[in-house]
Amino acid sequence: METIHKNNTRVIAQINHAGSAAMEEITGYPAISASVTAQPEYARKSEKPVREMTADDMHTVAKKFAEAALRVKEAGFDGVEIHAAHEYLLDQFYSPLGNKRPDAYGGDLDGRIHLLLDVIRAVREAVGADYLVALRLGASDYTEGGATIDDAVYACKKFEKAGVDLLDISGGFNGFTVKNRKDPGFFSDASSAIREAVHVPVILTGGVTKANEAEALLEEGAAADIIVTDYDPLTPLTADNINGHTLFGMSGRQTVTTVIDGKVRMQDRELVDIDEKKILAEARAHAQAMWNRINSR
């Protein structure tokens, strides 16, 4: 973290609970979710049964999110992001496709966001008033009977009031993409509506793979305050499609290269205290230690 900050960079850690997407074979614990009758096909990766959460479970989940957020802060990160998208646990509560509960944590939208609000408030209390708390939300399922953009607008106003500083908008039970939409920023309909309703910055993601696409969306002014770009590994860079791509590389330097109209626009600066071999060795050791802990259960 010290090295990142020396290079004038800020970093936010994302925390998540996979819910029914968790694999008991790896975690050692049964998968849990809002309901057992509506399990997402996209995220489910195990044949083990899923248990419907109890009130004690939900209290524990909120407490564990708060503890994780505090660890993030103590580790030196500049903020924490709560993951509530892509069919994972908090999205399983938010979406009517995953939440069939008859109690206070299900039913109407206020019930379905009950656990999300519990988590946000617990995290905010743990990290304090001046620490950045972001929320990645699967705003809409883009599916009949699923969560809608209107749901997201209503919910995001509640999330802001509960202590969220930054809203990161993505998909819900539809995953990372929207069917039949190939235009850059395919969650822009959701981010635009949410941005009009809240007073915190909104991030737009989805299908933005080129720098000039991001610039165009920002210039339009309505979609978002921040654009997150993705590199599509299934589309190799060629002379025909390289225009507008932003490429990142590091080998003792930080290079941000943007190709516009066939011309390379480069911003390059020295990085300090970068030891790539040491970083890779530490990452491998950390991954091995995690794997050893999993196998020892």
C-alpha atoms as a PDB file:
ATOM      1  CA  MET A   1       0.000   0.000   0.000  1.00  0.00           C
ATOM      2  CA  GLU A   2       2.896   2.340   0.781  1.00  0.00           C
ATOM      3  CA  THR A   3       4.288   1.817  -2.724  1.00  0.00           C
ATOM      4  CA  ILE A   4       0.915   2.513  -4.343  1.00  0.00           C
ATOM      5  CA  HIS A   5       0.531   5.745  -2.409  1.00  0.00           C
ATOM      6  CA  LYS A   6       4.082   6.841  -3.225  1.00  0.00           C
ATOM      7  CA  ASN A   7       3.013   6.667  -6.862  1.00  0.00           C
ATOM      8  CA  ASN A   8       0.130   9.096  -6.312  1.00  0.00           C
ATOM      9  CA  THR A   9      -2.474   6.375  -6.700  1.00  0.00           C
ATOM     10  CA  ARG A  10      -5.529   5.638  -4.596  1.00  0.00           C
ATOM     11  CA  VAL A  11      -7.017   2.170  -4.211  1.00  0.00           C
ATOM     12  CA  ILE A  12     -10.346   0.810  -2.982  1.00  0.00           C
ATOM     13  CA  ALA A  13     -10.820  -2.799  -1.857  1.00  0.00           C
ATOM     14  CA  GLN A  14     -14.016  -4.622  -2.753  1.00  0.00           C
ATOM     15  CA  ILE A  15     -15.650  -6.943  -0.221  1.00  0.00           C
ATOM     16  CA  ASN A  16     -18.250  -9.538  -1.097  1.00  0.00           C
ATOM     17  CA  HIS A  17     -20.277 -12.541   0.053  1.00  0.00           C
ATOM     18  CA  ALA A  18     -21.009 -15.021  -2.717  1.00  0.00           C
ATOM     19  CA  GLY A  19     -24.198 -16.375  -1.178  1.00  0.00           C
ATOM     20  CA  SER A  20     -25.473 -19.381  -3.133  1.00  0.00           C
ATOM     21  CA  ALA A  21     -22.545 -18.993  -5.541  1.00  0.00           C
ATOM     22  CA  ALA A  22     -20.152 -20.047  -2.767  1.00  0.00           C
ATOM     23  CA  MET A  23     -18.781 -23.575  -2.982  1.00  0.00           C
ATOM     24  CA  GLU A  24     -18.892 -25.625   0.192  1.00  0.00           C
ATOM     25  CA  GLU A  25     -16.102 -27.703  -1.334  1.00  0.00           C
ATOM     26  CA  ILE A  26     -13.846 -24.640  -0.973  1.00  0.00           C
ATOM     27  CA  THR A  27     -15.221 -22.702   2.000  1.00  0.00           C
ATOM     28  CA  GLY A  28     -16.086 -25.631   4.227  1.00  0.00           C
ATOM     29  CA  TYR A  29     -19.473 -24.062   4.970  1.00  0.00           C
ATOM     30  CA  PRO A  30     -22.906 -24.677   3.416  1.00  0.00           C
ATOM     31  CA  ALA A  31     -23.943 -22.029   0.892  1.00  0.00           C
ATOM     32  CA  ILE A  32     -26.608 -19.625   2.131  1.00  0.00           C
ATOM     33  CA  SER A  33     -28.977 -17.268   0.342  1.00  0.00           C
ATOM     34  CA  ALA A  34     -32.142 -15.227   0.664  1.00  0.00           C
ATOM     35  CA  SER A  35     -34.215 -18.197  -0.519  1.00  0.00           C
ATOM     36  CA  VAL A  36     -33.669 -21.795  -1.521  1.00  0.00           C
ATOM     37  CA  THR A  37     -36.328 -21.838  -4.225  1.00  0.00           C
ATOM     38  CA  ALA A  38     -34.743 -19.336  -6.611  1.00  0.00           C
ATOM     39  CA  GLN A  39     -31.068 -19.968  -7.195  1.00  0.00           C
ATOM     40  CA  PRO A  40     -29.250 -18.032  -9.914  1.00  0.00           C
ATOM     41  CA  GLU A  41     -27.982 -20.168 -12.776  1.00  0.00           C
ATOM     42  CA  TYR A  42     -25.243 -17.673 -13.634  1.00  0.00           C
ATOM     43  CA  ALA A  43     -23.458 -17.813 -10.290  1.00  0.00           C
ATOM     44  CA  ARG A  44     -24.244 -21.303  -8.950  1.00  0.00           C
ATOM     45  CA  LYS A  45     -21.167 -23.506  -9.182  1.00  0.00           C
ATOM     46  CA  SER A  46     -21.860 -26.347  -6.744  1.00  0.00           C
ATOM     47  CA  GLU A  47     -24.272 -29.255  -6.458  1.00  0.00           C
ATOM     48  CA  LYS A  48     -24.382 -28.914  -2.665  1.00  0.00           C
ATOM     49  CA  PRO A  49     -27.699 -27.724  -1.177  1.00  0.00           C
ATOM     50  CA  VAL A  50     -28.313 -24.086  -0.303  1.00  0.00           C
ATOM     51  CA  ARG A  51     -29.702 -23.064   3.078  1.00  0.00           C
ATOM     52  CA  GLU A  52     -32.161 -20.192   3.485  1.00  0.00           C
ATOM     53  CA  MET A  53     -30.750 -17.587   5.851  1.00  0.00           C
ATOM     54  CA  THR A  54     -32.136 -17.004   9.322  1.00  0.00           C
ATOM     55  CA  ALA A  55     -32.308 -13.695  11.193  1.00  0.00           C
ATOM     56  CA  ASP A  56     -29.123 -14.701  13.029  1.00  0.00           C
ATOM     57  CA  ASP A  57     -27.417 -15.347   9.702  1.00  0.00           C
ATOM     58  CA  MET A  58     -28.283 -11.872   8.463  1.00  0.00           C
ATOM     59  CA  HIS A  59     -27.021 -10.265  11.654  1.00  0.00           C
ATOM     60  CA  THR A  60     -23.779 -12.229  11.266  1.00  0.00           C
ATOM     61  CA  VAL A  61     -23.382 -11.251   7.608  1.00  0.00           C
ATOM     62  CA  ALA A  62     -23.750  -7.539   8.407  1.00  0.00           C
ATOM     63  CA  LYS A  63     -21.253  -7.913  11.262  1.00  0.00           C
ATOM     64  CA  LYS A  64     -18.747  -9.758   9.054  1.00  0.00           C
ATOM     65  CA  PHE A  65     -19.009  -7.137   6.298  1.00  0.00           C
ATOM     66  CA  ALA A  66     -18.250  -4.485   8.919  1.00  0.00           C
ATOM     67  CA  GLU A  67     -15.263  -6.435  10.221  1.00  0.00           C
ATOM     68  CA  ALA A  68     -13.958  -6.909   6.679  1.00  0.00           C
ATOM     69  CA  ALA A  69     -14.347  -3.196   5.954  1.00  0.00           C
ATOM     70  CA  LEU A  70     -12.392  -2.330   9.084  1.00  0.00           C
ATOM     71  CA  ARG A  71      -9.593  -4.680   8.007  1.00  0.00           C
ATOM     72  CA  VAL A  72      -9.564  -2.908   4.645  1.00  0.00           C
ATOM     73  CA  LYS A  73      -9.155   0.443   6.372  1.00  0.00           C
ATOM     74  CA  GLU A  74      -6.481  -0.825   8.755  1.00  0.00           C
ATOM     75  CA  ALA A  75      -4.568  -2.290   5.794  1.00  0.00           C
ATOM     76  CA  GLY A  76      -4.237   1.207   4.374  1.00  0.00           C
ATOM     77  CA  PHE A  77      -6.746   1.152   1.519  1.00  0.00           C
ATOM     78  CA  ASP A  78      -8.354   4.483   0.659  1.00  0.00           C
ATOM     79  CA  GLY A  79     -11.881   3.145   0.618  1.00  0.00           C
ATOM     80  CA  VAL A  80     -14.039   0.038   0.609  1.00  0.00           C
ATOM     81  CA  GLU A  81     -16.624  -1.126  -1.912  1.00  0.00           C
ATOM     82  CA  ILE A  82     -19.536  -3.380  -0.948  1.00  0.00           C
ATOM     83  CA  HIS A  83     -20.394  -5.807  -3.758  1.00  0.00           C
ATOM     84  CA  ALA A  84     -24.150  -6.095  -4.386  1.00  0.00           C
ATOM     85  CA  ALA A  85     -24.248  -7.153  -8.035  1.00  0.00           C
ATOM     86  CA  HIS A  86     -23.832 -10.122 -10.393  1.00  0.00           C
ATOM     87  CA  GLU A  87     -26.101 -12.555  -8.507  1.00  0.00           C
ATOM     88  CA  TYR A  88     -24.004 -12.679  -5.351  1.00  0.00           C
ATOM     89  CA  LEU A  89     -25.537 -12.608  -1.884  1.00  0.00           C
ATOM     90  CA  LEU A  90     -26.656  -8.984  -1.532  1.00  0.00           C
ATOM     91  CA  ASP A  91     -27.972  -9.051  -5.096  1.00  0.00           C
ATOM     92  CA  GLN A  92     -29.830 -12.270  -4.268  1.00  0.00           C
ATOM     93  CA  PHE A  93     -31.680 -10.267  -1.610  1.00  0.00           C
ATOM     94  CA  TYR A  94     -32.196  -7.173  -3.802  1.00  0.00           C
ATOM     95  CA  SER A  95     -33.621  -9.025  -6.807  1.00  0.00           C
ATOM     96  CA  PRO A  96     -37.136 -10.490  -6.736  1.00  0.00           C
ATOM     97  CA  LEU A  97     -35.719 -13.316  -8.861  1.00  0.00           C
ATOM     98  CA  GLY A  98     -33.644 -14.473  -5.919  1.00  0.00           C
ATOM     99  CA  ASN A  99     -35.636 -13.275  -2.927  1.00  0.00           C
ATOM    100  CA  LYS A 100     -38.895 -15.109  -2.207  1.00  0.00           C
ATOM    101  CA  ARG A 101     -38.881 -14.463   1.546  1.00  0.00           C
ATOM    102  CA  PRO A 102     -42.213 -13.711   3.290  1.00  0.00           C
ATOM    103  CA  ASP A 103     -40.585 -11.869   6.215  1.00  0.00           C
ATOM    104  CA  ALA A 104     -39.189  -8.352   6.713  1.00  0.00           C
ATOM    105  CA  TYR A 105     -36.196  -9.157   4.492  1.00  0.00           C
ATOM    106  CA  GLY A 106     -38.306 -10.006   1.437  1.00  0.00           C
ATOM    107  CA  GLY A 107     -41.496  -9.081  -0.334  1.00  0.00           C
ATOM    108  CA  ASP A 108     -41.555  -5.474  -1.512  1.00  0.00           C
ATOM    109  CA  LEU A 109     -38.472  -3.441  -2.382  1.00  0.00           C
ATOM    110  CA  ASP A 110     -38.081  -2.046   1.125  1.00  0.00           C
ATOM    111  CA  GLY A 111     -37.886  -5.605   2.408  1.00  0.00           C
ATOM    112  CA  ARG A 112     -35.472  -6.718  -0.288  1.00  0.00           C
ATOM    113  CA  ILE A 113     -33.004  -3.910   0.490  1.00  0.00           C
ATOM    114  CA  HIS A 114     -33.268  -4.415   4.254  1.00  0.00           C
ATOM    115  CA  LEU A 115     -30.090  -6.501   4.458  1.00  0.00           C
ATOM    116  CA  LEU A 116     -28.181  -4.146   2.140  1.00  0.00           C
ATOM    117  CA  LEU A 117     -29.051  -1.235   4.420  1.00  0.00           C
ATOM    118  CA  ASP A 118     -28.009  -3.245   7.480  1.00  0.00           C
ATOM    119  CA  VAL A 119     -24.655  -3.948   5.817  1.00  0.00           C
ATOM    120  CA  ILE A 120     -24.091  -0.340   4.718  1.00  0.00           C
ATOM    121  CA  ARG A 121     -24.870   1.030   8.178  1.00  0.00           C
ATOM    122  CA  ALA A 122     -22.660  -1.566   9.875  1.00  0.00           C
ATOM    123  CA  VAL A 123     -19.783  -0.797   7.514  1.00  0.00           C
ATOM    124  CA  ARG A 124     -20.184   2.949   7.959  1.00  0.00           C
ATOM    125  CA  GLU A 125     -20.180   2.590  11.739  1.00  0.00           C
ATOM    126  CA  ALA A 126     -17.060   0.415  11.586  1.00  0.00           C
ATOM    127  CA  VAL A 127     -14.945   2.670   9.336  1.00  0.00           C
ATOM    128  CA  GLY A 128     -16.154   6.051  10.557  1.00  0.00           C
ATOM    129  CA  ALA A 129     -17.748   9.060   8.916  1.00  0.00           C
ATOM    130  CA  ASP A 130     -14.723  10.218   6.894  1.00  0.00           C
ATOM    131  CA  TYR A 131     -13.825   6.965   5.129  1.00  0.00           C
ATOM    132  CA  LEU A 132     -15.000   6.306   1.570  1.00  0.00           C
ATOM    133  CA  VAL A 133     -17.722   3.658   1.271  1.00  0.00           C
ATOM    134  CA  ALA A 134     -18.782   2.623  -2.236  1.00  0.00           C
ATOM    135  CA  LEU A 135     -21.513   0.236  -3.348  1.00  0.00           C
ATOM    136  CA  ARG A 136     -21.428  -1.844  -6.528  1.00  0.00           C
ATOM    137  CA  LEU A 137     -25.079  -2.444  -7.393  1.00  0.00           C
ATOM    138  CA  GLY A 138     -26.707  -4.817  -9.860  1.00  0.00           C
ATOM    139  CA  ALA A 139     -29.194  -2.083 -10.614  1.00  0.00           C
ATOM    140  CA  SER A 140     -31.446  -4.003 -12.983  1.00  0.00           C
ATOM    141  CA  ASP A 141     -31.784  -7.639 -14.011  1.00  0.00           C
ATOM    142  CA  TYR A 142     -32.960  -6.655 -17.498  1.00  0.00           C
ATOM    143  CA  THR A 143     -35.225  -9.690 -17.180  1.00  0.00           C
ATOM    144  CA  GLU A 144     -38.993 -10.030 -16.840  1.00  0.00           C
ATOM    145  CA  GLY A 145     -39.908 -10.216 -13.164  1.00  0.00           C
ATOM    146  CA  GLY A 146     -36.492  -8.995 -12.051  1.00  0.00           C
ATOM    147  CA  ALA A 147     -35.191  -5.823 -10.450  1.00  0.00           C
ATOM    148  CA  THR A 148     -35.827  -2.690 -12.510  1.00  0.00           C
ATOM    149  CA  ILE A 149     -34.148   0.653 -12.999  1.00  0.00           C
ATOM    150  CA  ASP A 150     -36.986   2.272 -11.037  1.00  0.00           C
ATOM    151  CA  ASP A 151     -36.140  -0.102  -8.177  1.00  0.00           C
ATOM    152  CA  ALA A 152     -32.515   1.005  -8.376  1.00  0.00           C
ATOM    153  CA  VAL A 153     -33.367   4.708  -8.294  1.00  0.00           C
ATOM    154  CA  TYR A 154     -35.490   4.236  -5.168  1.00  0.00           C
ATOM    155  CA  ALA A 155     -32.913   1.970  -3.527  1.00  0.00           C
ATOM    156  CA  CYS A 156     -29.926   4.201  -4.288  1.00  0.00           C
ATOM    157  CA  LYS A 157     -31.561   7.157  -2.551  1.00  0.00           C
ATOM    158  CA  LYS A 158     -31.893   4.934   0.519  1.00  0.00           C
ATOM    159  CA  PHE A 159     -28.292   3.719   0.174  1.00  0.00           C
ATOM    160  CA  GLU A 160     -26.994   7.282  -0.037  1.00  0.00           C
ATOM    161  CA  LYS A 161     -28.896   8.229   3.093  1.00  0.00           C
ATOM    162  CA  ALA A 162     -27.482   5.168   4.890  1.00  0.00           C
ATOM    163  CA  GLY A 163     -23.905   6.259   4.220  1.00  0.00           C
ATOM    164  CA  VAL A 164     -22.783   5.353   0.685  1.00  0.00           C
ATOM    165  CA  ASP A 165     -20.370   7.879  -0.869  1.00  0.00           C
ATOM    166  CA  LEU A 166     -20.047   6.363  -4.351  1.00  0.00           C
ATOM    167  CA  LEU A 167     -22.373   4.225  -6.490  1.00  0.00           C
ATOM    168  CA  ASP A 168     -20.833   1.777  -8.963  1.00  0.00           C
ATOM    169  CA  ILE A 169     -23.535   0.591 -11.379  1.00  0.00           C
ATOM    170  CA  SER A 170     -23.536  -2.789 -13.092  1.00  0.00           C
ATOM    171  CA  GLY A 171     -25.889  -5.690 -13.831  1.00  0.00           C
ATOM    172  CA  GLY A 172     -27.783  -8.011 -11.558  1.00  0.00           C
ATOM    173  CA  PHE A 173     -28.996 -11.477 -12.497  1.00  0.00           C
ATOM    174  CA  ASN A 174     -28.025 -10.735 -16.099  1.00  0.00           C
ATOM    175  CA  GLY A 175     -24.374 -10.639 -15.040  1.00  0.00           C
ATOM    176  CA  PHE A 176     -21.905  -8.299 -16.720  1.00  0.00           C
ATOM    177  CA  THR A 177     -23.781  -7.853 -19.995  1.00  0.00           C
ATOM    178  CA  VAL A 178     -27.176  -6.822 -21.331  1.00  0.00           C
ATOM    179  CA  LYS A 179     -28.770  -9.036 -23.969  1.00  0.00           C
ATOM    180  CA  ASN A 180     -28.825  -7.499 -27.442  1.00  0.00           C
ATOM    181  CA  ARG A 181     -26.880  -4.421 -26.321  1.00  0.00           C
ATOM    182  CA  LYS A 182     -23.423  -3.922 -27.765  1.00  0.00           C
ATOM    183  CA  ASP A 183     -23.114  -0.147 -27.444  1.00  0.00           C
ATOM    184  CA  PRO A 184     -20.438   1.138 -25.048  1.00  0.00           C
ATOM    185  CA  GLY A 185     -21.754   1.760 -21.564  1.00  0.00           C
ATOM    186  CA  PHE A 186     -24.680  -0.605 -21.783  1.00  0.00           C
ATOM    187  CA  PHE A 187     -25.691   0.130 -18.188  1.00  0.00           C
ATOM    188  CA  SER A 188     -25.964   3.852 -19.001  1.00  0.00           C
ATOM    189  CA  ASP A 189     -29.777   3.797 -18.832  1.00  0.00           C
ATOM    190  CA  ALA A 190     -29.499   2.751 -15.186  1.00  0.00           C
ATOM    191  CA  SER A 191     -26.583   5.014 -14.262  1.00  0.00           C
ATOM    192  CA  SER A 192     -28.237   8.046 -15.879  1.00  0.00           C
ATOM    193  CA  ALA A 193     -31.480   7.572 -13.973  1.00  0.00           C
ATOM    194  CA  ILE A 194     -29.654   7.001 -10.696  1.00  0.00           C
ATOM    195  CA  ARG A 195     -27.341   9.984 -11.214  1.00  0.00           C
ATOM    196  CA  GLU A 196     -30.355  12.289 -11.550  1.00  0.00           C
ATOM    197  CA  ALA A 197     -31.731  11.060  -8.224  1.00  0.00           C
ATOM    198  CA  VAL A 198     -28.698  11.096  -5.913  1.00  0.00           C
ATOM    199  CA  HIS A 199     -26.055  13.555  -4.740  1.00  0.00           C
ATOM    200  CA  VAL A 200     -23.047  11.224  -4.749  1.00  0.00           C
ATOM    201  CA  PRO A 201     -20.837  10.323  -7.736  1.00  0.00           C
ATOM    202  CA  VAL A 202     -22.000   7.502 -10.009  1.00  0.00           C
ATOM    203  CA  ILE A 203     -19.718   5.095 -11.889  1.00  0.00           C
ATOM    204  CA  LEU A 204     -20.756   3.627 -15.243  1.00  0.00           C
ATOM    205  CA  THR A 205     -19.420   0.250 -16.369  1.00  0.00           C
ATOM    206  CA  GLY A 206     -20.227  -2.130 -19.175  1.00  0.00           C
ATOM    207  CA  GLY A 207     -18.750  -2.546 -22.624  1.00  0.00           C
ATOM    208  CA  VAL A 208     -16.519   0.535 -22.565  1.00  0.00           C
ATOM    209  CA  THR A 209     -13.262  -0.801 -23.991  1.00  0.00           C
ATOM    210  CA  LYS A 210     -11.816   2.303 -25.630  1.00  0.00           C
ATOM    211  CA  ALA A 211     -10.705   5.619 -24.219  1.00  0.00           C
ATOM    212  CA  ASN A 212     -12.615   7.647 -26.812  1.00  0.00           C
ATOM    213  CA  GLU A 213     -15.813   5.784 -25.901  1.00  0.00           C
ATOM    214  CA  ALA A 214     -15.337   6.767 -22.267  1.00  0.00           C
ATOM    215  CA  GLU A 215     -14.617  10.379 -23.252  1.00  0.00           C
ATOM    216  CA  ALA A 216     -17.775  10.502 -25.387  1.00  0.00           C
ATOM    217  CA  LEU A 217     -19.929   9.204 -22.536  1.00  0.00           C
ATOM    218  CA  LEU A 218     -18.410  11.727 -20.126  1.00  0.00           C
ATOM    219  CA  GLU A 219     -18.925  14.558 -22.601  1.00  0.00           C
ATOM    220  CA  GLU A 220     -22.612  13.623 -22.884  1.00  0.00           C
ATOM    221  CA  GLY A 221     -22.740  14.446 -19.188  1.00  0.00           C
ATOM    222  CA  ALA A 222     -25.791  12.449 -18.217  1.00  0.00           C
ATOM    223  CA  ALA A 223     -24.568   8.872 -17.912  1.00  0.00           C
ATOM    224  CA  ALA A 224     -22.101   9.066 -15.036  1.00  0.00           C
ATOM    225  CA  ASP A 225     -19.407  10.990 -13.188  1.00  0.00           C
ATOM    226  CA  ILE A 226     -16.793   8.262 -13.682  1.00  0.00           C
ATOM    227  CA  ILE A 227     -16.365   5.693 -16.474  1.00  0.00           C
ATOM    228  CA  VAL A 228     -14.632   2.363 -15.871  1.00  0.00           C
ATOM    229  CA  THR A 229     -13.104   0.887 -19.015  1.00  0.00           C
ATOM    230  CA  ASP A 230     -12.624  -2.797 -19.708  1.00  0.00           C
ATOM    231  CA  TYR A 231     -10.243  -4.525 -22.082  1.00  0.00           C
ATOM    232  CA  ASP A 232     -12.020  -7.267 -24.025  1.00  0.00           C
ATOM    233  CA  PRO A 233      -9.573 -10.193 -24.231  1.00  0.00           C
ATOM    234  CA  LEU A 234     -11.776 -11.857 -26.858  1.00  0.00           C
ATOM    235  CA  THR A 235     -11.163  -8.977 -29.281  1.00  0.00           C
ATOM    236  CA  PRO A 236      -7.446  -8.850 -30.139  1.00  0.00           C
ATOM    237  CA  LEU A 237      -6.082  -5.428 -30.970  1.00  0.00           C
ATOM    238  CA  THR A 238      -5.581  -4.955 -34.709  1.00  0.00           C
ATOM    239  CA  ALA A 239      -4.902  -2.074 -37.055  1.00  0.00           C
ATOM    240  CA  ASP A 240      -8.653  -1.874 -37.592  1.00  0.00           C
ATOM    241  CA  ASN A 241      -9.810  -1.673 -33.981  1.00  0.00           C
ATOM    242  CA  ILE A 242      -6.891  -0.204 -32.027  1.00  0.00           C
ATOM    243  CA  ASN A 243      -8.147   3.409 -32.234  1.00  0.00           C
ATOM    244  CA  GLY A 244      -9.192   4.705 -28.841  1.00  0.00           C
ATOM    245  CA  HIS A 245      -7.813   1.824 -26.801  1.00  0.00           C
ATOM    246  CA  THR A 246      -6.113   2.718 -23.550  1.00  0.00           C
ATOM    247  CA  LEU A 247      -3.356   0.301 -22.663  1.00  0.00           C
ATOM    248  CA  PHE A 248      -1.535   0.035 -19.368  1.00  0.00           C
ATOM    249  CA  GLY A 249       1.920  -1.359 -18.756  1.00  0.00           C
ATOM    250  CA  MET A 250       4.332  -1.454 -15.837  1.00  0.00           C
ATOM    251  CA  SER A 251       8.004  -2.252 -15.756  1.00  0.00           C
ATOM    252  CA  GLY A 252       9.432   0.289 -13.381  1.00  0.00           C
ATOM    253  CA  ARG A 253       7.304   2.917 -15.125  1.00  0.00           C
ATOM    254  CA  GLN A 254       3.625   3.669 -15.437  1.00  0.00           C
ATOM    255  CA  THR A 255       2.604   4.088 -19.039  1.00  0.00           C
ATOM    256  CA  VAL A 256      -0.886   5.097 -20.122  1.00  0.00           C
ATOM    257  CA  THR A 257      -1.114   4.856 -23.886  1.00  0.00           C
ATOM    258  CA  THR A 258      -4.150   6.008 -25.824  1.00  0.00           C
ATOM    259  CA  VAL A 259      -4.415   5.448 -29.568  1.00  0.00           C
ATOM    260  CA  ILE A 260      -6.553   8.083 -31.289  1.00  0.00           C
ATOM    261  CA  ASP A 261      -6.868   8.378 -35.067  1.00  0.00           C
ATOM    262  CA  GLY A 262      -3.931   6.073 -35.522  1.00  0.00           C
ATOM    263  CA  LYS A 263      -1.636   8.231 -33.398  1.00  0.00           C
ATOM    264  CA  VAL A 264      -0.222   7.196 -30.038  1.00  0.00           C
ATOM    265  CA  ARG A 265      -0.821   9.640 -27.199  1.00  0.00           C
ATOM    266  CA  MET A 266       1.341   8.655 -24.268  1.00  0.00           C
ATOM    267  CA  GLN A 267       1.671   9.820 -20.694  1.00  0.00           C
ATOM    268  CA  ASP A 268       4.666   8.241 -19.028  1.00  0.00           C
ATOM    269  CA  ARG A 269       6.162   8.742 -15.596  1.00  0.00           C
ATOM    270  CA  GLU A 270       8.635   7.041 -13.310  1.00  0.00           C
ATOM    271  CA  LEU A 271       7.328   4.759 -10.616  1.00  0.00           C
ATOM    272  CA  VAL A 272       9.138   4.497  -7.298  1.00  0.00           C
ATOM    273  CA  ASP A 273       9.929   1.510  -5.073  1.00  0.00           C
ATOM    274  CA  ILE A 274       8.638  -1.025  -7.610  1.00  0.00           C
ATOM    275  CA  ASP A 275      10.135  -4.505  -7.227  1.00  0.00           C
ATOM    276  CA  GLU A 276       8.159  -6.725  -9.588  1.00  0.00           C
ATOM    277  CA  LYS A 277       9.831  -9.971  -8.508  1.00  0.00           C
ATOM    278  CA  LYS A 278       9.125  -9.236  -4.872  1.00  0.00           C
ATOM    279  CA  ILE A 279       5.494  -8.318  -5.599  1.00  0.00           C
ATOM    280  CA  LEU A 280       4.924 -11.530  -7.564  1.00  0.00           C
ATOM    281  CA  ALA A 281       6.636 -13.663  -4.916  1.00  0.00           C
ATOM    282  CA  GLU A 282       4.506 -12.155  -2.145  1.00  0.00           C
ATOM    283  CA  ALA A 283       1.332 -12.648  -4.190  1.00  0.00           C
ATOM    284  CA  ARG A 284       2.155 -16.308  -4.828  1.00  0.00           C
ATOM    285  CA  ALA A 285       2.981 -16.883  -1.154  1.00  0.00           C
ATOM    286  CA  HIS A 286      -0.289 -15.267  -0.089  1.00  0.00           C
ATOM    287  CA  ALA A 287      -2.287 -17.386  -2.539  1.00  0.00           C
ATOM    288  CA  GLN A 288      -0.544 -20.567  -1.354  1.00  0.00           C
ATOM    289  CA  ALA A 289      -1.223 -19.698   2.292  1.00  0.00           C
ATOM    290  CA  MET A 290      -4.916 -19.182   1.539  1.00  0.00           C
ATOM    291  CA  TRP A 291      -5.066 -22.506  -0.296  1.00  0.00           C
ATOM    292  CA  ASN A 292      -3.342 -24.273   2.607  1.00  0.00           C
ATOM    293  CA  ARG A 293      -5.883 -22.852   5.069  1.00  0.00           C
ATOM    294  CA  ILE A 294      -8.754 -24.030   2.876  1.00  0.00           C
ATOM    295  CA  ASN A 295      -7.325 -27.554   2.587  1.00  0.00           C
ATOM    296  CA  SER A 296      -6.661 -27.786   6.330  1.00  0.00           C
ATOM    297  CA  ARG A 297     -10.361 -27.439   7.233  1.00  0.00           C
END
